[in-house]
N, C-alpha and C. Protein backbone atom coordinates (compact mmCIF):
# COMPACT_ATOMS: atom_id res chain seq x y z
N MET A 1 0.84 -1.18 0.00
CA MET A 1 0.00 0.00 0.00
C MET A 1 0.87 1.24 0.00
N LYS A 2 0.64 2.18 -0.91
CA LYS A 2 1.38 3.43 -0.95
C LYS A 2 0.46 4.56 -0.53
N LEU A 3 1.00 5.50 0.23
CA LEU A 3 0.22 6.62 0.73
C LEU A 3 0.85 7.92 0.30
N MET A 4 0.04 8.93 0.03
CA MET A 4 0.53 10.27 -0.18
C MET A 4 -0.39 11.19 0.60
N THR A 5 0.12 11.82 1.63
CA THR A 5 -0.70 12.63 2.52
C THR A 5 -0.56 14.09 2.18
N SER A 6 -1.68 14.77 2.02
CA SER A 6 -1.64 16.20 1.75
C SER A 6 -1.37 16.95 3.03
N CYS A 7 -1.03 18.25 2.89
CA CYS A 7 -0.87 19.06 4.09
C CYS A 7 -2.22 19.26 4.76
N SER A 8 -2.19 19.41 6.07
CA SER A 8 -3.39 19.68 6.85
C SER A 8 -3.70 21.15 6.76
N ILE A 9 -4.95 21.51 6.40
CA ILE A 9 -5.31 22.90 6.22
C ILE A 9 -6.62 23.18 6.91
N ASN A 10 -6.89 24.43 7.14
CA ASN A 10 -8.14 24.87 7.76
C ASN A 10 -8.75 25.93 6.87
N ASN A 11 -9.40 25.49 5.81
CA ASN A 11 -9.91 26.38 4.78
C ASN A 11 -11.37 26.67 5.03
N GLY A 12 -11.80 27.90 4.80
CA GLY A 12 -13.14 28.31 5.17
C GLY A 12 -14.25 27.58 4.47
N GLY A 13 -14.08 27.14 3.21
CA GLY A 13 -15.23 26.64 2.50
C GLY A 13 -15.30 25.15 2.28
N ALA A 14 -14.17 24.46 2.41
CA ALA A 14 -14.13 23.09 1.92
C ALA A 14 -14.94 22.11 2.73
N LEU A 15 -15.22 22.40 3.99
CA LEU A 15 -15.99 21.44 4.75
C LEU A 15 -17.28 22.04 5.28
N LEU A 16 -17.80 23.06 4.59
CA LEU A 16 -19.12 23.55 4.94
C LEU A 16 -20.16 22.46 4.75
N LEU A 17 -19.81 21.47 3.92
CA LEU A 17 -20.66 20.32 3.72
C LEU A 17 -20.94 19.57 5.00
N LEU A 18 -20.11 19.73 6.02
CA LEU A 18 -20.36 19.05 7.27
C LEU A 18 -21.00 19.99 8.29
N LEU A 19 -21.60 21.09 7.80
CA LEU A 19 -22.26 22.03 8.69
C LEU A 19 -23.76 21.79 8.69
N SER A 20 -24.35 21.87 9.83
CA SER A 20 -25.80 21.95 9.98
C SER A 20 -26.54 20.86 9.23
N VAL A 21 -26.02 19.65 9.26
CA VAL A 21 -26.72 18.52 8.67
C VAL A 21 -26.99 17.50 9.75
N CYS A 22 -28.07 16.75 9.56
CA CYS A 22 -28.47 15.88 10.67
C CYS A 22 -29.16 14.65 10.13
N CYS A 23 -28.69 13.49 10.58
CA CYS A 23 -29.39 12.25 10.29
C CYS A 23 -28.71 11.14 11.03
N CYS A 24 -29.43 10.44 11.85
CA CYS A 24 -28.80 9.37 12.62
C CYS A 24 -28.92 8.07 11.86
N LEU A 25 -27.80 7.62 11.30
CA LEU A 25 -27.78 6.34 10.61
C LEU A 25 -27.73 5.20 11.61
N SER A 26 -27.04 5.45 12.74
CA SER A 26 -26.88 4.39 13.72
C SER A 26 -26.58 4.99 15.07
N SER A 27 -27.24 4.50 16.11
CA SER A 27 -26.94 4.90 17.47
C SER A 27 -26.75 3.64 18.32
N VAL A 28 -25.63 3.60 19.03
CA VAL A 28 -25.34 2.43 19.84
C VAL A 28 -24.81 2.89 21.18
N PRO A 29 -24.99 2.09 22.24
CA PRO A 29 -24.39 2.44 23.53
C PRO A 29 -22.87 2.46 23.43
N VAL A 30 -22.26 3.29 24.21
CA VAL A 30 -20.81 3.45 24.19
C VAL A 30 -20.18 2.68 25.33
N ALA A 31 -19.14 1.92 25.04
CA ALA A 31 -18.38 1.25 26.08
C ALA A 31 -17.13 2.07 26.37
N ARG A 32 -16.83 2.31 27.64
CA ARG A 32 -15.70 3.16 27.99
C ARG A 32 -14.73 2.40 28.91
N SER A 33 -13.47 2.41 28.55
CA SER A 33 -12.40 1.91 29.41
C SER A 33 -11.10 2.52 28.90
N GLN A 34 -10.06 2.49 29.71
CA GLN A 34 -8.80 3.08 29.30
C GLN A 34 -8.27 2.34 28.08
N SER A 35 -7.82 3.10 27.07
CA SER A 35 -7.35 2.50 25.84
C SER A 35 -6.42 3.45 25.11
N SER A 36 -5.46 2.90 24.35
CA SER A 36 -4.64 3.68 23.44
C SER A 36 -4.60 2.90 22.13
N ASP A 37 -4.02 3.48 21.08
CA ASP A 37 -4.05 2.80 19.79
C ASP A 37 -2.82 3.18 18.97
N SER A 38 -2.37 2.23 18.17
CA SER A 38 -1.32 2.44 17.18
C SER A 38 -1.38 1.27 16.21
N CYS A 39 -0.67 1.40 15.09
CA CYS A 39 -0.67 0.32 14.11
C CYS A 39 0.08 -0.91 14.60
N SER A 40 0.80 -0.78 15.70
CA SER A 40 1.48 -1.94 16.26
C SER A 40 0.59 -2.71 17.22
N SER A 41 -0.60 -2.18 17.48
CA SER A 41 -1.55 -2.86 18.35
C SER A 41 -2.75 -3.34 17.53
N THR A 42 -3.58 -4.17 18.13
CA THR A 42 -4.76 -4.68 17.46
C THR A 42 -6.02 -4.15 18.13
N LEU A 43 -7.11 -4.14 17.39
CA LEU A 43 -8.37 -3.71 17.98
C LEU A 43 -8.83 -4.68 19.05
N ALA A 44 -8.51 -5.94 18.87
CA ALA A 44 -8.86 -6.92 19.90
C ALA A 44 -8.10 -6.62 21.19
N GLY A 45 -6.82 -6.31 21.05
CA GLY A 45 -6.02 -6.00 22.21
C GLY A 45 -6.48 -4.74 22.92
N ALA A 46 -7.04 -3.80 22.16
CA ALA A 46 -7.55 -2.56 22.74
C ALA A 46 -8.95 -2.74 23.34
N GLY A 47 -9.51 -3.94 23.19
CA GLY A 47 -10.85 -4.19 23.72
C GLY A 47 -11.96 -3.67 22.85
N VAL A 48 -11.65 -3.31 21.60
CA VAL A 48 -12.64 -2.71 20.70
C VAL A 48 -13.20 -3.73 19.73
N GLY A 49 -12.36 -4.69 19.30
CA GLY A 49 -12.78 -5.63 18.27
C GLY A 49 -14.08 -6.35 18.58
N LYS A 50 -14.29 -6.73 19.82
CA LYS A 50 -15.50 -7.46 20.19
C LYS A 50 -16.75 -6.58 20.15
N LEU A 51 -16.58 -5.27 20.09
CA LEU A 51 -17.72 -4.35 20.04
C LEU A 51 -18.12 -3.98 18.62
N ILE A 52 -17.31 -4.38 17.64
CA ILE A 52 -17.58 -4.07 16.24
C ILE A 52 -18.17 -5.31 15.57
N PRO A 53 -19.29 -5.18 14.85
CA PRO A 53 -20.01 -6.36 14.35
C PRO A 53 -19.46 -6.95 13.06
N PHE A 54 -18.17 -6.77 12.80
CA PHE A 54 -17.54 -7.46 11.67
C PHE A 54 -16.10 -7.78 12.05
N ASP A 55 -15.48 -8.65 11.27
CA ASP A 55 -14.14 -9.14 11.58
C ASP A 55 -13.11 -8.03 11.46
N THR A 56 -12.37 -7.78 12.54
CA THR A 56 -11.33 -6.75 12.54
C THR A 56 -9.95 -7.36 12.79
N SER A 57 -9.82 -8.66 12.59
CA SER A 57 -8.57 -9.35 12.96
C SER A 57 -7.48 -9.23 11.92
N ASN A 58 -7.80 -8.84 10.69
CA ASN A 58 -6.80 -8.82 9.62
C ASN A 58 -6.91 -7.54 8.79
N LEU A 59 -6.82 -6.40 9.44
CA LEU A 59 -6.96 -5.12 8.76
C LEU A 59 -5.61 -4.48 8.48
N THR A 60 -5.45 -3.93 7.28
CA THR A 60 -4.29 -3.10 6.98
C THR A 60 -4.40 -1.80 7.73
N CYS A 61 -3.29 -1.33 8.30
CA CYS A 61 -3.33 -0.14 9.16
C CYS A 61 -2.32 0.89 8.68
N PHE A 62 -2.69 2.17 8.74
CA PHE A 62 -1.72 3.23 8.48
C PHE A 62 -2.06 4.48 9.28
N ASP A 63 -1.04 5.26 9.57
CA ASP A 63 -1.22 6.55 10.23
C ASP A 63 -1.71 7.55 9.20
N ALA A 64 -2.98 7.92 9.30
CA ALA A 64 -3.62 8.72 8.27
C ALA A 64 -3.38 10.22 8.44
N TRP A 65 -3.35 10.69 9.68
CA TRP A 65 -3.24 12.12 9.95
C TRP A 65 -2.52 12.26 11.29
N SER A 66 -1.21 12.28 11.23
CA SER A 66 -0.40 12.15 12.45
C SER A 66 -0.61 13.31 13.41
N THR A 67 -0.81 14.52 12.91
CA THR A 67 -0.96 15.67 13.80
C THR A 67 -2.23 15.59 14.64
N GLU A 68 -3.23 14.85 14.16
CA GLU A 68 -4.48 14.68 14.90
C GLU A 68 -4.62 13.29 15.50
N GLY A 69 -3.63 12.43 15.27
CA GLY A 69 -3.69 11.07 15.82
C GLY A 69 -4.69 10.16 15.14
N PHE A 70 -5.03 10.44 13.87
CA PHE A 70 -5.97 9.60 13.13
C PHE A 70 -5.25 8.36 12.60
N ILE A 71 -5.85 7.20 12.85
CA ILE A 71 -5.35 5.93 12.34
C ILE A 71 -6.47 5.26 11.56
N VAL A 72 -6.17 4.75 10.38
CA VAL A 72 -7.17 4.06 9.55
C VAL A 72 -6.78 2.61 9.39
N ARG A 73 -7.75 1.73 9.58
CA ARG A 73 -7.60 0.31 9.29
C ARG A 73 -8.65 -0.08 8.26
N TYR A 74 -8.28 -0.96 7.35
CA TYR A 74 -9.25 -1.39 6.34
C TYR A 74 -8.90 -2.78 5.84
N SER A 75 -9.88 -3.43 5.22
CA SER A 75 -9.65 -4.71 4.55
C SER A 75 -10.74 -4.92 3.51
N ARG A 76 -10.50 -5.86 2.63
CA ARG A 76 -11.46 -6.24 1.60
C ARG A 76 -11.70 -7.73 1.68
N SER A 77 -12.97 -8.12 1.68
CA SER A 77 -13.31 -9.53 1.65
C SER A 77 -13.63 -9.95 0.22
N GLY A 78 -13.82 -11.24 0.01
CA GLY A 78 -13.97 -11.77 -1.33
C GLY A 78 -15.19 -11.29 -2.08
N ASN A 79 -16.21 -10.82 -1.37
CA ASN A 79 -17.43 -10.37 -2.05
C ASN A 79 -17.45 -8.86 -2.23
N ASP A 80 -16.25 -8.24 -2.32
CA ASP A 80 -16.11 -6.79 -2.51
C ASP A 80 -16.74 -6.00 -1.38
N THR A 81 -16.68 -6.53 -0.18
CA THR A 81 -17.09 -5.78 1.00
C THR A 81 -15.84 -5.20 1.64
N TRP A 82 -15.85 -3.88 1.81
CA TRP A 82 -14.72 -3.18 2.41
C TRP A 82 -15.07 -2.80 3.84
N SER A 83 -14.14 -3.08 4.73
CA SER A 83 -14.31 -2.76 6.14
C SER A 83 -13.35 -1.64 6.51
N PHE A 84 -13.84 -0.62 7.20
CA PHE A 84 -13.02 0.50 7.63
C PHE A 84 -13.24 0.77 9.11
N VAL A 85 -12.16 1.09 9.80
CA VAL A 85 -12.24 1.56 11.17
C VAL A 85 -11.32 2.78 11.28
N LEU A 86 -11.90 3.93 11.53
CA LEU A 86 -11.14 5.15 11.79
C LEU A 86 -10.99 5.32 13.29
N SER A 87 -9.75 5.42 13.76
CA SER A 87 -9.46 5.60 15.17
C SER A 87 -8.88 7.00 15.37
N ALA A 88 -9.38 7.71 16.38
CA ALA A 88 -8.93 9.08 16.63
C ALA A 88 -9.06 9.39 18.12
N PRO A 89 -8.29 10.35 18.63
CA PRO A 89 -8.42 10.72 20.03
C PRO A 89 -9.82 11.19 20.37
N ASP A 90 -10.28 10.83 21.55
CA ASP A 90 -11.59 11.28 22.02
C ASP A 90 -11.41 12.61 22.74
N ASN A 91 -11.61 13.70 22.00
CA ASN A 91 -11.47 15.04 22.55
C ASN A 91 -12.81 15.75 22.66
N GLY A 92 -13.89 14.97 22.73
CA GLY A 92 -15.21 15.57 22.81
C GLY A 92 -15.65 16.20 21.51
N ALA A 93 -15.10 15.75 20.38
CA ALA A 93 -15.41 16.32 19.07
C ALA A 93 -15.86 15.20 18.13
N TYR A 94 -16.55 15.58 17.04
CA TYR A 94 -16.87 14.58 16.02
C TYR A 94 -15.64 14.31 15.17
N VAL A 95 -15.59 13.13 14.58
CA VAL A 95 -14.57 12.78 13.60
C VAL A 95 -15.29 12.31 12.34
N ALA A 96 -14.66 12.49 11.20
CA ALA A 96 -15.30 12.13 9.93
C ALA A 96 -14.27 11.65 8.94
N MET A 97 -14.70 10.73 8.06
CA MET A 97 -13.88 10.27 6.96
C MET A 97 -14.72 10.24 5.70
N GLY A 98 -14.20 10.88 4.63
CA GLY A 98 -14.90 10.93 3.36
C GLY A 98 -14.15 10.18 2.28
N PHE A 99 -14.86 9.83 1.21
CA PHE A 99 -14.30 9.10 0.08
C PHE A 99 -14.46 9.96 -1.16
N SER A 100 -13.33 10.31 -1.78
CA SER A 100 -13.32 11.30 -2.86
C SER A 100 -12.50 10.78 -4.03
N SER A 101 -12.92 11.11 -5.24
CA SER A 101 -12.18 10.70 -6.44
C SER A 101 -11.03 11.64 -6.76
N ASP A 102 -11.06 12.86 -6.23
CA ASP A 102 -10.04 13.85 -6.58
C ASP A 102 -9.42 14.59 -5.40
N GLY A 103 -9.75 14.18 -4.19
CA GLY A 103 -9.20 14.85 -3.02
C GLY A 103 -10.04 16.00 -2.51
N ASN A 104 -11.11 16.33 -3.21
CA ASN A 104 -12.01 17.40 -2.78
C ASN A 104 -13.22 16.82 -2.08
N MET A 105 -13.79 17.59 -1.17
CA MET A 105 -14.99 17.13 -0.47
C MET A 105 -16.22 17.13 -1.36
N VAL A 106 -16.39 18.18 -2.17
CA VAL A 106 -17.57 18.27 -3.03
C VAL A 106 -17.58 17.11 -4.01
N GLY A 107 -18.69 16.40 -4.08
CA GLY A 107 -18.82 15.25 -4.94
C GLY A 107 -18.51 13.93 -4.25
N SER A 108 -18.17 13.99 -2.98
CA SER A 108 -17.82 12.77 -2.25
C SER A 108 -18.91 12.40 -1.26
N SER A 109 -18.69 11.31 -0.56
CA SER A 109 -19.57 10.87 0.52
C SER A 109 -18.72 10.70 1.77
N ALA A 110 -19.32 10.92 2.92
CA ALA A 110 -18.57 10.85 4.18
C ALA A 110 -19.39 10.16 5.26
N VAL A 111 -18.68 9.60 6.23
CA VAL A 111 -19.29 9.07 7.44
C VAL A 111 -18.70 9.84 8.61
N ALA A 112 -19.57 10.36 9.47
CA ALA A 112 -19.14 11.11 10.65
C ALA A 112 -19.66 10.44 11.91
N GLY A 113 -18.92 10.58 13.00
CA GLY A 113 -19.35 9.98 14.26
C GLY A 113 -18.92 10.78 15.45
N TRP A 114 -19.67 10.69 16.54
CA TRP A 114 -19.37 11.35 17.79
C TRP A 114 -20.17 10.69 18.90
N THR A 115 -19.92 11.09 20.13
CA THR A 115 -20.71 10.62 21.25
C THR A 115 -21.56 11.76 21.79
N THR A 116 -22.75 11.43 22.22
CA THR A 116 -23.64 12.43 22.80
C THR A 116 -23.34 12.59 24.29
N GLY A 117 -23.93 13.62 24.90
CA GLY A 117 -23.73 13.84 26.33
C GLY A 117 -24.24 12.71 27.19
N SER A 118 -25.19 11.93 26.66
CA SER A 118 -25.73 10.81 27.42
C SER A 118 -24.95 9.52 27.20
N GLY A 119 -23.84 9.61 26.49
CA GLY A 119 -22.99 8.44 26.31
C GLY A 119 -23.44 7.51 25.22
N VAL A 120 -24.00 8.03 24.14
CA VAL A 120 -24.43 7.23 22.99
C VAL A 120 -23.56 7.57 21.80
N GLY A 121 -23.09 6.54 21.08
CA GLY A 121 -22.34 6.74 19.87
C GLY A 121 -23.27 6.94 18.69
N VAL A 122 -22.97 7.94 17.86
CA VAL A 122 -23.79 8.27 16.69
C VAL A 122 -22.91 8.21 15.44
N ALA A 123 -23.40 7.58 14.37
CA ALA A 123 -22.69 7.53 13.10
C ALA A 123 -23.66 7.85 11.98
N LYS A 124 -23.22 8.69 11.02
CA LYS A 124 -24.10 9.14 9.94
C LYS A 124 -23.35 9.20 8.62
N GLN A 125 -24.06 8.98 7.51
CA GLN A 125 -23.50 9.18 6.18
C GLN A 125 -24.06 10.48 5.59
N TYR A 126 -23.22 11.17 4.82
CA TYR A 126 -23.61 12.41 4.17
C TYR A 126 -23.30 12.36 2.69
N LYS A 127 -24.20 12.90 1.89
CA LYS A 127 -23.94 13.12 0.47
C LYS A 127 -23.46 14.55 0.31
N LEU A 128 -22.28 14.73 -0.26
CA LEU A 128 -21.62 16.03 -0.27
C LEU A 128 -21.63 16.60 -1.69
N ASP A 129 -22.74 17.27 -2.03
CA ASP A 129 -22.91 17.81 -3.38
C ASP A 129 -22.52 19.27 -3.50
N GLY A 130 -22.16 19.92 -2.41
CA GLY A 130 -21.81 21.33 -2.47
C GLY A 130 -21.28 21.80 -1.14
N THR A 131 -21.20 23.12 -0.98
CA THR A 131 -20.61 23.69 0.23
C THR A 131 -21.65 24.28 1.17
N SER A 132 -22.92 24.08 0.87
CA SER A 132 -23.98 24.53 1.78
C SER A 132 -24.70 23.32 2.35
N ALA A 133 -25.34 23.52 3.49
CA ALA A 133 -26.01 22.41 4.15
C ALA A 133 -27.06 21.77 3.26
N SER A 134 -27.77 22.59 2.48
CA SER A 134 -28.84 22.06 1.63
C SER A 134 -28.30 21.15 0.53
N LYS A 135 -27.02 21.30 0.18
CA LYS A 135 -26.41 20.47 -0.86
C LYS A 135 -25.74 19.23 -0.29
N CYS A 136 -25.87 19.05 1.02
CA CYS A 136 -25.21 17.93 1.69
C CYS A 136 -26.21 17.15 2.53
N PRO A 137 -27.18 16.49 1.89
CA PRO A 137 -28.23 15.81 2.66
C PRO A 137 -27.71 14.62 3.44
N PRO A 138 -28.19 14.44 4.66
CA PRO A 138 -27.81 13.28 5.46
C PRO A 138 -28.56 12.03 5.02
N ASP A 139 -28.07 10.89 5.45
CA ASP A 139 -28.68 9.61 5.15
C ASP A 139 -28.73 9.35 3.66
N GLN A 140 -27.85 10.00 2.93
CA GLN A 140 -27.68 9.76 1.50
C GLN A 140 -26.19 9.70 1.21
N GLY A 141 -25.84 9.27 0.01
CA GLY A 141 -24.44 9.18 -0.37
C GLY A 141 -24.20 8.00 -1.27
N SER A 142 -23.00 7.93 -1.83
CA SER A 142 -22.68 6.88 -2.80
C SER A 142 -22.14 5.62 -2.15
N LEU A 143 -21.91 5.65 -0.83
CA LEU A 143 -21.42 4.45 -0.16
C LEU A 143 -22.56 3.47 0.06
N SER A 144 -22.41 2.26 -0.44
CA SER A 144 -23.41 1.21 -0.23
C SER A 144 -23.12 0.54 1.10
N LEU A 145 -23.53 1.22 2.18
CA LEU A 145 -23.20 0.74 3.52
C LEU A 145 -23.91 -0.57 3.83
N VAL A 146 -23.21 -1.45 4.53
CA VAL A 146 -23.78 -2.70 4.98
C VAL A 146 -24.67 -2.41 6.17
N ALA A 147 -25.93 -2.77 6.07
CA ALA A 147 -26.91 -2.44 7.11
C ALA A 147 -26.48 -3.00 8.46
N GLY A 148 -26.60 -2.18 9.49
CA GLY A 148 -26.32 -2.60 10.85
C GLY A 148 -24.86 -2.61 11.24
N ASN A 149 -23.96 -2.26 10.30
CA ASN A 149 -22.53 -2.34 10.59
C ASN A 149 -21.85 -0.98 10.62
N THR A 150 -22.60 0.09 10.79
CA THR A 150 -22.04 1.43 10.92
C THR A 150 -22.27 1.90 12.35
N LEU A 151 -21.18 2.20 13.06
CA LEU A 151 -21.32 2.56 14.46
C LEU A 151 -20.11 3.34 14.94
N LEU A 152 -20.28 3.98 16.08
CA LEU A 152 -19.21 4.71 16.76
C LEU A 152 -19.01 4.05 18.13
N VAL A 153 -17.82 3.55 18.37
CA VAL A 153 -17.45 2.96 19.66
C VAL A 153 -16.46 3.89 20.33
N ALA A 154 -16.63 4.14 21.62
CA ALA A 154 -15.71 4.99 22.37
C ALA A 154 -15.06 4.21 23.50
N GLN A 155 -13.74 4.27 23.55
CA GLN A 155 -12.98 3.95 24.74
C GLN A 155 -12.60 5.32 25.29
N SER A 156 -12.20 5.42 26.55
CA SER A 156 -12.09 6.74 27.16
C SER A 156 -11.06 7.65 26.50
N SER A 157 -10.12 7.09 25.79
CA SER A 157 -9.15 7.95 25.13
C SER A 157 -9.27 7.97 23.61
N ARG A 158 -10.12 7.12 23.03
CA ARG A 158 -10.21 7.04 21.56
C ARG A 158 -11.65 6.91 21.11
N LEU A 159 -11.90 7.38 19.88
CA LEU A 159 -13.14 7.10 19.16
C LEU A 159 -12.81 6.14 18.02
N TYR A 160 -13.69 5.17 17.79
CA TYR A 160 -13.53 4.20 16.70
C TYR A 160 -14.79 4.25 15.84
N LEU A 161 -14.66 4.84 14.65
CA LEU A 161 -15.76 4.95 13.70
C LEU A 161 -15.64 3.77 12.73
N ALA A 162 -16.56 2.82 12.83
CA ALA A 162 -16.48 1.58 12.07
C ALA A 162 -17.64 1.46 11.10
N PHE A 163 -17.36 0.99 9.90
CA PHE A 163 -18.42 0.79 8.90
C PHE A 163 -17.91 -0.11 7.79
N GLN A 164 -18.85 -0.66 7.05
CA GLN A 164 -18.56 -1.49 5.88
C GLN A 164 -19.41 -1.01 4.71
N PHE A 165 -18.86 -1.15 3.51
CA PHE A 165 -19.65 -0.90 2.30
C PHE A 165 -19.16 -1.81 1.18
N THR A 166 -19.98 -1.98 0.17
CA THR A 166 -19.63 -2.83 -0.96
C THR A 166 -19.22 -1.95 -2.13
N ALA A 167 -18.11 -2.32 -2.78
CA ALA A 167 -17.59 -1.61 -3.94
C ALA A 167 -16.47 -2.44 -4.53
N ALA A 168 -16.26 -2.31 -5.85
CA ALA A 168 -15.12 -2.99 -6.46
C ALA A 168 -13.82 -2.42 -5.91
N GLN A 169 -13.81 -1.11 -5.66
CA GLN A 169 -12.65 -0.43 -5.09
C GLN A 169 -13.09 0.91 -4.55
N PRO A 170 -12.65 1.32 -3.36
CA PRO A 170 -12.98 2.66 -2.86
C PRO A 170 -12.31 3.73 -3.71
N THR A 171 -12.79 4.95 -3.58
CA THR A 171 -12.18 6.08 -4.28
C THR A 171 -10.73 6.24 -3.81
N PRO A 172 -9.87 6.85 -4.64
CA PRO A 172 -8.44 6.88 -4.32
C PRO A 172 -8.05 7.86 -3.22
N TYR A 173 -8.95 8.74 -2.81
CA TYR A 173 -8.62 9.70 -1.76
C TYR A 173 -9.54 9.51 -0.55
N LEU A 174 -8.94 9.57 0.62
CA LEU A 174 -9.68 9.63 1.87
C LEU A 174 -9.55 11.04 2.44
N ILE A 175 -10.66 11.58 2.92
CA ILE A 175 -10.70 12.91 3.51
C ILE A 175 -11.02 12.75 5.00
N TYR A 176 -10.33 13.50 5.84
CA TYR A 176 -10.54 13.41 7.29
C TYR A 176 -10.93 14.79 7.83
N ALA A 177 -11.77 14.79 8.85
CA ALA A 177 -12.15 16.05 9.49
C ALA A 177 -12.34 15.81 10.98
N VAL A 178 -12.10 16.86 11.76
CA VAL A 178 -12.32 16.81 13.20
C VAL A 178 -13.03 18.09 13.61
N GLY A 179 -14.03 17.94 14.47
CA GLY A 179 -14.78 19.08 14.93
C GLY A 179 -14.14 19.75 16.12
N PRO A 180 -14.66 20.89 16.54
CA PRO A 180 -14.15 21.55 17.74
C PRO A 180 -14.50 20.76 18.99
N SER A 181 -13.63 20.79 19.98
CA SER A 181 -13.86 20.06 21.22
C SER A 181 -15.03 20.63 22.00
N ASN A 182 -15.83 19.72 22.55
CA ASN A 182 -16.94 20.09 23.45
C ASN A 182 -17.96 21.01 22.79
N ALA A 183 -18.10 20.90 21.48
CA ALA A 183 -19.10 21.70 20.78
C ALA A 183 -20.50 21.17 21.10
N LYS A 184 -21.47 22.06 21.18
CA LYS A 184 -22.85 21.68 21.40
C LYS A 184 -23.50 21.31 20.07
N LEU A 185 -23.84 20.03 19.93
CA LEU A 185 -24.45 19.55 18.70
C LEU A 185 -25.96 19.56 18.87
N ASN A 186 -26.53 20.74 18.91
CA ASN A 186 -27.97 20.88 19.10
C ASN A 186 -28.73 20.19 17.98
N GLY A 187 -29.65 19.31 18.36
CA GLY A 187 -30.42 18.59 17.35
C GLY A 187 -29.57 17.70 16.49
N ASN A 188 -28.38 17.32 16.96
CA ASN A 188 -27.44 16.48 16.19
C ASN A 188 -26.90 17.17 14.95
N TYR A 189 -27.01 18.50 14.85
CA TYR A 189 -26.40 19.23 13.75
C TYR A 189 -24.91 19.39 14.01
N LEU A 190 -24.09 19.17 12.99
CA LEU A 190 -22.65 19.30 13.14
C LEU A 190 -22.24 20.77 13.05
N VAL A 191 -21.42 21.21 13.98
CA VAL A 191 -20.85 22.55 13.89
C VAL A 191 -19.65 22.50 12.96
N ARG A 192 -19.11 23.68 12.65
CA ARG A 192 -18.01 23.78 11.70
C ARG A 192 -16.80 22.98 12.18
N HIS A 193 -16.15 22.29 11.24
CA HIS A 193 -14.95 21.53 11.56
C HIS A 193 -13.83 22.43 12.08
N ARG A 194 -12.96 21.86 12.89
CA ARG A 194 -11.77 22.59 13.34
C ARG A 194 -10.63 22.47 12.34
N ASP A 195 -10.52 21.33 11.68
CA ASP A 195 -9.44 21.12 10.72
C ASP A 195 -9.78 19.92 9.85
N TYR A 196 -9.09 19.78 8.72
CA TYR A 196 -9.27 18.61 7.86
C TYR A 196 -8.01 18.33 7.08
N SER A 197 -7.93 17.14 6.50
CA SER A 197 -6.77 16.72 5.72
C SER A 197 -7.22 15.65 4.73
N SER A 198 -6.31 15.21 3.87
CA SER A 198 -6.64 14.16 2.91
C SER A 198 -5.43 13.28 2.66
N THR A 199 -5.71 12.06 2.20
CA THR A 199 -4.68 11.08 1.93
C THR A 199 -5.03 10.33 0.65
N ALA A 200 -4.06 10.17 -0.24
CA ALA A 200 -4.24 9.32 -1.40
C ALA A 200 -3.80 7.91 -1.05
N VAL A 201 -4.62 6.92 -1.40
CA VAL A 201 -4.37 5.54 -1.02
C VAL A 201 -4.36 4.65 -2.24
N ASN A 202 -3.32 3.83 -2.38
CA ASN A 202 -3.29 2.79 -3.38
C ASN A 202 -3.66 1.48 -2.70
N TYR A 203 -4.88 1.02 -2.93
CA TYR A 203 -5.37 -0.18 -2.25
C TYR A 203 -4.78 -1.46 -2.82
N PHE A 204 -4.19 -1.39 -4.02
CA PHE A 204 -3.63 -2.57 -4.67
C PHE A 204 -2.21 -2.27 -5.12
N PRO A 205 -1.25 -2.13 -4.20
CA PRO A 205 0.12 -1.77 -4.56
C PRO A 205 0.79 -2.88 -5.37
């Protein structure tokens, strides 16, 4: 697998698509215990694997966004089902990962996740057709998500955004975003991101 990571930027317009949109694709109870993560560790060892409803024992891992501590794990099964787990520090903010053909958010689809004040993990898909909320409808997108397998798991130091979708191959760019810490997500609407980045991935080196 070859990676090319873009610089991390905080641009005013590129992630307006993650503003003021709302749709709960999945809500699950959150399990909390002390945990850390790196590509030298396994999700099973971190106590997370048993909480994710698909096999996480043989995932390719890479450091996706080192300045924010984002780690991505993925694998492909024989029926073109792709499994992804995004791991990031739990700073009281949402985390998101998008799939893009050109490295831009517009025209892509994303999955975002966070925990609510009552300790519930929330995961949602967004269709990103523009830079305004009306052009980014929730519960839509090009990802053919596997029903029941999209969720947000929290250990006290990390968030794990897990999901599966079917495709011959994912888009060549992954987009990452992180929200502001301790933001009030009134009505489950996402506030403006704090920062974002992108990575080009060769899934078949």
